[in-house]
Protein backbone atom coordinates (compact mmCIF):
# COMPACT_ATOMS: atom_id res chain seq x y z
CA UNK A 1 -0.13 0.04 0.06
CA UNK A 2 1.42 3.85 -0.75
CA UNK A 3 2.16 5.54 1.67
CA UNK A 4 1.03 9.34 1.96
CA UNK A 5 3.01 12.24 2.43
CA UNK A 6 1.65 13.46 5.59
CA UNK A 7 1.33 9.82 6.55
CA UNK A 8 5.24 8.91 5.54
CA UNK A 9 5.80 12.62 7.53
CA UNK A 10 4.44 11.03 10.65
CA UNK A 11 6.37 7.87 10.57
CA UNK A 12 9.71 9.65 10.23
CA UNK A 13 8.62 11.92 12.97
CA UNK A 14 7.63 9.23 15.47
CA UNK A 15 10.88 7.42 14.92
CA UNK A 16 13.00 10.64 15.59
CA UNK A 17 11.34 11.49 18.68
CA UNK A 18 11.60 7.56 19.52
CA UNK A 19 15.15 7.68 18.37
CA UNK A 20 16.25 10.95 20.51
CA UNK A 21 14.26 9.55 23.81
CA UNK A 22 16.95 6.65 23.43
CA UNK A 23 19.28 5.15 21.24
CA UNK A 24 17.93 1.96 20.74
CA UNK A 25 14.79 2.97 18.61
CA UNK A 26 11.45 3.23 18.89
CA UNK A 27 9.69 -0.17 20.83
CA UNK A 28 7.34 -2.35 18.21
CA UNK A 29 4.80 -0.51 20.54
CA UNK A 30 5.99 2.86 19.34
CA UNK A 31 5.76 2.11 16.00
CA UNK A 32 2.33 0.61 15.90
CA UNK A 33 0.65 3.79 17.53
CA UNK A 34 2.27 5.92 14.48
CA UNK A 35 1.09 3.57 11.96
CA UNK A 36 -2.09 3.53 13.37
CA UNK A 37 -2.54 7.00 13.60
CA UNK A 38 -1.02 7.86 10.30
CA UNK A 39 -3.83 4.94 8.89
CA UNK A 40 -1.30 2.10 7.96
CA UNK A 41 -3.77 -0.65 9.92
CA UNK A 42 -1.86 -3.34 7.96
CA UNK A 43 1.30 -2.25 9.48
CA UNK A 44 0.36 -1.26 12.62
CA UNK A 45 -1.10 -4.90 13.33
CA UNK A 46 2.84 -6.21 12.18
CA UNK A 47 3.90 -4.26 14.91
CA UNK A 48 1.35 -4.21 17.43
CA UNK A 49 1.78 -8.47 17.01
CA UNK A 50 5.26 -7.94 17.50
CA UNK A 51 4.88 -5.87 21.22
CA UNK A 52 2.70 -8.83 22.11
CA UNK A 53 5.00 -11.39 21.50
CA UNK A 54 7.58 -9.65 22.40
CA UNK A 55 6.17 -8.02 26.20
CA UNK A 56 4.41 -11.20 26.79
CA UNK A 57 0.95 -9.67 25.82
CA UNK A 58 0.90 -5.81 26.48
CA UNK A 59 -2.53 -4.52 27.05
CA UNK A 60 -1.66 -1.23 25.25
CA UNK A 61 -0.77 -3.46 21.62
CA UNK A 62 -3.84 -5.13 22.02
CA UNK A 63 -5.82 -2.05 22.22
CA UNK A 64 -4.14 -0.80 19.47
CA UNK A 65 -4.49 -4.01 16.78
CA UNK A 66 -8.31 -4.19 17.81
CA UNK A 67 -8.48 -0.29 16.30
CA UNK A 68 -6.85 -1.37 13.73
CA UNK A 69 -9.32 -4.37 13.03
CA UNK A 70 -11.92 -2.14 13.51
CA UNK A 71 -10.93 0.47 11.30
CA UNK A 72 -10.36 -2.38 8.87
CA UNK A 73 -14.04 -3.39 9.03
CA UNK A 74 -13.27 -7.07 10.82
CA UNK A 75 -14.98 -6.47 14.34
CA UNK A 76 -14.88 -9.82 15.66
CA UNK A 77 -10.87 -10.08 15.43
CA UNK A 78 -11.58 -6.84 17.60
CA UNK A 79 -13.28 -8.12 19.87
CA UNK A 80 -11.05 -10.72 20.72
CA UNK A 81 -8.66 -7.78 21.23
CA UNK A 82 -10.09 -5.31 22.78
CA UNK A 83 -11.73 -8.50 25.49
CA UNK A 84 -7.58 -8.32 26.19
CA UNK A 85 -7.47 -5.08 26.84
CA UNK A 86 -10.46 -4.50 28.77
CA UNK A 87 -9.40 -7.14 31.39
CA UNK A 88 -5.84 -6.55 31.82
CA UNK A 89 -6.30 -2.45 32.00
CA UNK A 90 -10.09 -2.31 34.08
CA UNK A 91 -10.03 1.89 34.85
CA UNK A 92 -9.60 2.36 30.81
CA UNK A 93 -13.17 2.50 29.45
CA UNK A 94 -11.76 2.77 26.10
CA UNK A 95 -11.63 -1.02 25.75
CA UNK A 96 -14.98 -2.05 26.47
CA UNK A 97 -16.54 0.95 24.78
CA UNK A 98 -15.21 -0.18 21.83
CA UNK A 99 -15.96 -4.09 22.05
CA UNK A 100 -19.44 -3.04 22.90
CA UNK A 101 -19.43 -0.53 19.13
CA UNK A 102 -17.42 -3.66 17.28
CA UNK A 103 -20.57 -6.11 18.78
CA UNK A 104 -22.82 -3.81 16.92
CA UNK A 105 -21.18 -3.71 13.72
CA UNK A 106 -20.98 -7.59 13.99
CA UNK A 107 -24.91 -7.67 14.38
CA UNK A 108 -24.69 -9.01 18.08
CA UNK A 109 -26.93 -5.92 20.38
CA UNK A 110 -27.10 -8.89 23.15
CA UNK A 111 -23.78 -8.93 23.22
CA UNK A 112 -22.49 -5.01 23.03
CA UNK A 113 -25.21 -5.14 25.99
CA UNK A 114 -23.96 -6.91 28.08
CA UNK A 115 -20.44 -5.46 27.52
CA UNK A 116 -21.09 -1.75 28.22
CA UNK A 117 -23.62 -2.76 30.88
CA UNK A 118 -20.73 -4.49 32.84
CA UNK A 119 -18.66 -1.70 32.18
CA UNK A 120 -21.07 0.10 33.98
CA UNK A 121 -21.56 -1.98 36.80
CA UNK A 122 -18.24 -3.41 37.66
CA UNK A 123 -15.82 0.12 36.44
CA UNK A 124 -17.57 2.94 36.22
CA UNK A 125 -16.51 4.35 39.83
CA UNK A 126 -13.12 3.60 38.81
CA UNK A 127 -13.03 5.70 35.56
CA UNK A 128 -12.10 9.43 34.70
CA UNK A 129 -14.93 11.91 34.56
CA UNK A 130 -14.45 11.65 30.30
CA UNK A 131 -15.00 7.54 30.32
CA UNK A 132 -17.67 7.93 32.44
CA UNK A 133 -19.11 10.37 29.78
CA UNK A 134 -18.82 8.36 27.12
CA UNK A 135 -20.19 5.00 29.21
CA UNK A 136 -23.70 6.09 29.25
CA UNK A 137 -22.52 7.99 25.17
CA UNK A 138 -22.39 4.36 24.22
CA UNK A 139 -24.73 2.87 26.28
CA UNK A 140 -27.55 5.23 24.56
CA UNK A 141 -25.98 3.95 21.05
CA UNK A 142 -26.53 0.32 21.82
CA UNK A 143 -29.98 1.24 23.84
CA UNK A 144 -30.73 3.29 20.37
CA UNK A 145 -29.45 0.29 18.13
CA UNK A 146 -32.48 -2.02 19.37
CA UNK A 147 -34.74 0.41 18.83
CA UNK A 148 -34.78 1.46 22.76
CA UNK A 149 -35.84 5.57 22.55
CA UNK A 150 -36.60 5.90 25.61
CA UNK A 151 -33.41 4.67 27.36
CA UNK A 152 -31.39 6.15 24.81
CA UNK A 153 -33.06 9.22 25.54
CA UNK A 154 -32.02 8.96 29.48
CA UNK A 155 -28.40 7.70 28.93
CA UNK A 156 -27.83 10.39 26.36
CA UNK A 157 -28.91 13.12 29.26
CA UNK A 158 -27.06 11.14 31.93
CA UNK A 159 -24.05 11.43 29.30
CA UNK A 160 -24.73 15.17 29.15
CA UNK A 161 -24.85 15.65 33.09
CA UNK A 162 -21.32 13.92 33.40
CA UNK A 163 -19.87 16.48 30.67
CA UNK A 164 -21.28 19.58 32.84
CA UNK A 165 -19.59 19.04 35.64
CA UNK A 166 -16.27 19.73 33.86
CA UNK A 167 -15.47 22.64 31.55
CA UNK A 168 -12.91 21.36 29.42
CA UNK A 169 -15.73 18.56 28.64
CA UNK A 170 -18.45 20.43 28.71
CA UNK A 171 -16.32 22.91 26.47
CA UNK A 172 -15.03 20.50 23.72
CA UNK A 173 -16.82 18.59 20.69
CA UNK A 174 -17.40 15.47 22.50
CA UNK A 175 -20.70 16.69 23.68
CA UNK A 176 -21.70 18.08 20.11
CA UNK A 177 -22.64 14.15 19.26
CA UNK A 178 -24.18 13.52 22.35
CA UNK A 179 -26.73 16.38 21.43
CA UNK A 180 -26.94 14.90 17.90
CA UNK A 181 -27.60 11.50 19.44
CA UNK A 182 -29.91 12.81 21.65
CA UNK A 183 -32.05 14.19 18.98
CA UNK A 184 -32.46 11.76 16.83
CA UNK A 185 -33.67 9.48 20.05
CA UNK A 186 -36.04 12.06 20.31
CA UNK A 187 -37.04 12.29 17.21
CA UNK A 188 -38.01 8.83 17.21
CA UNK A 189 -40.37 9.46 20.50
CA UNK A 190 -42.39 12.19 18.38
CA UNK A 191 -41.22 14.56 20.73
CA UNK A 192 -39.98 17.40 18.05
CA UNK A 193 -39.70 20.69 19.72
CA UNK A 194 -37.46 18.96 22.73
CA UNK A 195 -35.49 16.90 19.29
CA UNK A 196 -34.78 20.76 17.86
CA UNK A 197 -33.67 21.90 21.40
CA UNK A 198 -31.04 19.04 21.20
CA UNK A 199 -30.41 19.81 17.82
CA UNK A 200 -29.95 23.31 17.84
CA UNK A 201 -27.46 22.53 21.28
CA UNK A 202 -25.19 20.33 18.99
CA UNK A 203 -25.21 23.39 16.47
CA UNK A 204 -23.72 25.44 18.83
CA UNK A 205 -21.34 22.49 20.13
CA UNK A 206 -20.17 22.74 16.68
CA UNK A 207 -19.88 26.88 16.53
CA UNK A 208 -17.58 26.70 19.33
CA UNK A 209 -14.82 23.90 17.91
CA UNK A 210 -15.04 26.05 14.79
CA UNK A 211 -16.93 23.70 12.37
CA UNK A 212 -19.47 24.73 9.70
CA UNK A 213 -22.18 23.15 9.68
CA UNK A 214 -22.85 20.58 7.53
CA UNK A 215 -25.90 21.33 4.84
CA UNK A 216 -27.76 18.25 5.86
CA UNK A 217 -27.70 19.56 9.09
CA UNK A 218 -29.20 22.90 8.22
CA UNK A 219 -31.83 20.78 6.32
CA UNK A 220 -32.39 18.61 9.25
CA UNK A 221 -32.98 21.61 11.30
CA UNK A 222 -35.58 22.99 8.73
CA UNK A 223 -37.45 20.06 8.98
CA UNK A 224 -37.40 20.23 12.41
CA UNK A 225 -38.78 23.92 12.58
CA UNK A 226 -41.39 22.53 9.96
CA UNK A 227 -43.08 19.39 12.38
CA UNK A 228 -42.85 22.57 15.50
CA UNK A 229 -45.06 24.49 12.89
CA UNK A 230 -42.57 27.14 13.00
CA UNK A 231 -42.94 28.21 9.34
CA UNK A 232 -41.55 30.99 9.14
CA UNK A 233 -38.40 29.47 10.41
CA UNK A 234 -38.70 26.49 8.18
CA UNK A 235 -38.70 28.47 5.18
CA UNK A 236 -35.95 30.92 6.15
CA UNK A 237 -33.86 28.74 6.67
CA UNK A 238 -34.67 26.63 3.61
CA UNK A 239 -34.23 29.23 1.54
CA UNK A 240 -30.65 29.24 2.17
CA UNK A 241 -29.60 25.93 1.14
CA UNK A 242 -28.33 24.41 -1.80
CA UNK A 243 -31.14 23.55 -4.76
CA UNK A 244 -30.53 19.69 -4.07
CA UNK A 245 -31.85 20.47 -0.64
CA UNK A 246 -33.95 23.45 -0.55
CA UNK A 247 -36.38 20.88 -3.24
CA UNK A 248 -36.35 18.78 -0.62
CA UNK A 249 -38.14 21.53 1.86
CA UNK A 250 -40.06 22.67 -0.69
CA UNK A 251 -41.45 19.09 -0.92
CA UNK A 252 -42.91 19.75 2.70
CA UNK A 253 -43.39 22.60 2.91
CA UNK A 254 -45.42 23.00 -0.46
CA UNK A 255 -48.20 20.79 1.37
CA UNK A 256 -47.07 17.47 -1.08
CA UNK A 257 -45.71 15.81 2.38
CA UNK A 258 -48.60 16.63 3.79
CA UNK A 259 -47.84 14.97 7.17
CA UNK A 260 -45.93 13.82 9.80
CA UNK A 261 -46.15 10.14 9.16
CA UNK A 262 -45.81 11.14 5.60
CA UNK A 263 -43.01 13.18 5.89
CA UNK A 264 -40.67 10.14 8.38
CA UNK A 265 -41.31 7.70 5.36
CA UNK A 266 -39.63 10.40 3.23
CA UNK A 267 -36.78 10.75 5.88
CA UNK A 268 -35.83 7.35 5.81
CA UNK A 269 -35.80 7.13 2.09
CA UNK A 270 -33.53 9.26 2.56
CA UNK A 271 -31.34 7.89 4.58
CA UNK A 272 -31.47 5.10 3.23
CA UNK A 273 -30.80 5.92 -0.21
CA UNK A 274 -27.91 8.16 1.22
CA UNK A 275 -26.40 5.07 3.14
CA UNK A 276 -26.78 3.31 -0.29
CA UNK A 277 -24.36 5.69 -1.81
CA UNK A 278 -21.82 5.71 1.18
CA UNK A 279 -21.47 2.29 0.33
CA UNK A 280 -20.94 2.67 -3.40
CA UNK A 281 -18.28 5.24 -4.05
């Protein structure tokens, strides 16, 4: 696989820093981490495997290798490595969180729920505030994946409450995805005003981190304004969209999509169409 110039730079920098730190050169684990960060997952797998063999099962090496398998679309191989990392590093939430998400990717939601529930029950108090927030966030994602939207809303709300106890957490972009997922769960329950409020919080979180809103997000807010019967806000925002998204909004505002049920069906078809496009680049 051809390494891009920026990736070569990352690898070279990692090697140079390791050389400065000690004449023995970079360790296998350092090389694995550098390769993972540069997107060279096969190389990272090779280096992390070498670190595991050499260091009699370094937990960090299992974590890196698991993340590589996850990136390569091999969730069950990732699950096996995350299990070792989870047992060896009980106070770090990342292995359990990634393991739960890989179970979801493999179509095993029951195992995903068991994994995240066990982490919350057995290890939660030992987690950092960030990991406590993420534990509830992942639990919400698992619940949403199985259609339990009320419990998902509670989990995302709890994650946000944890974030609010820490100014750095609340200020960073990590809370943005929480607001986004909470809005999705509320939308699925028909709580459109709450969904709009959460979605606007998501857009504000993006703005705080300097990210501009995607047009898909602005279209979503247009739809939420409509569902909240704020037609003026919906029309004003629709007027700023590109022709494609503006046409979609006009279908709603003109009455062609004349009911919430019809609108929901339209959004579902759009999501399916976009998923098909994403999977066939």
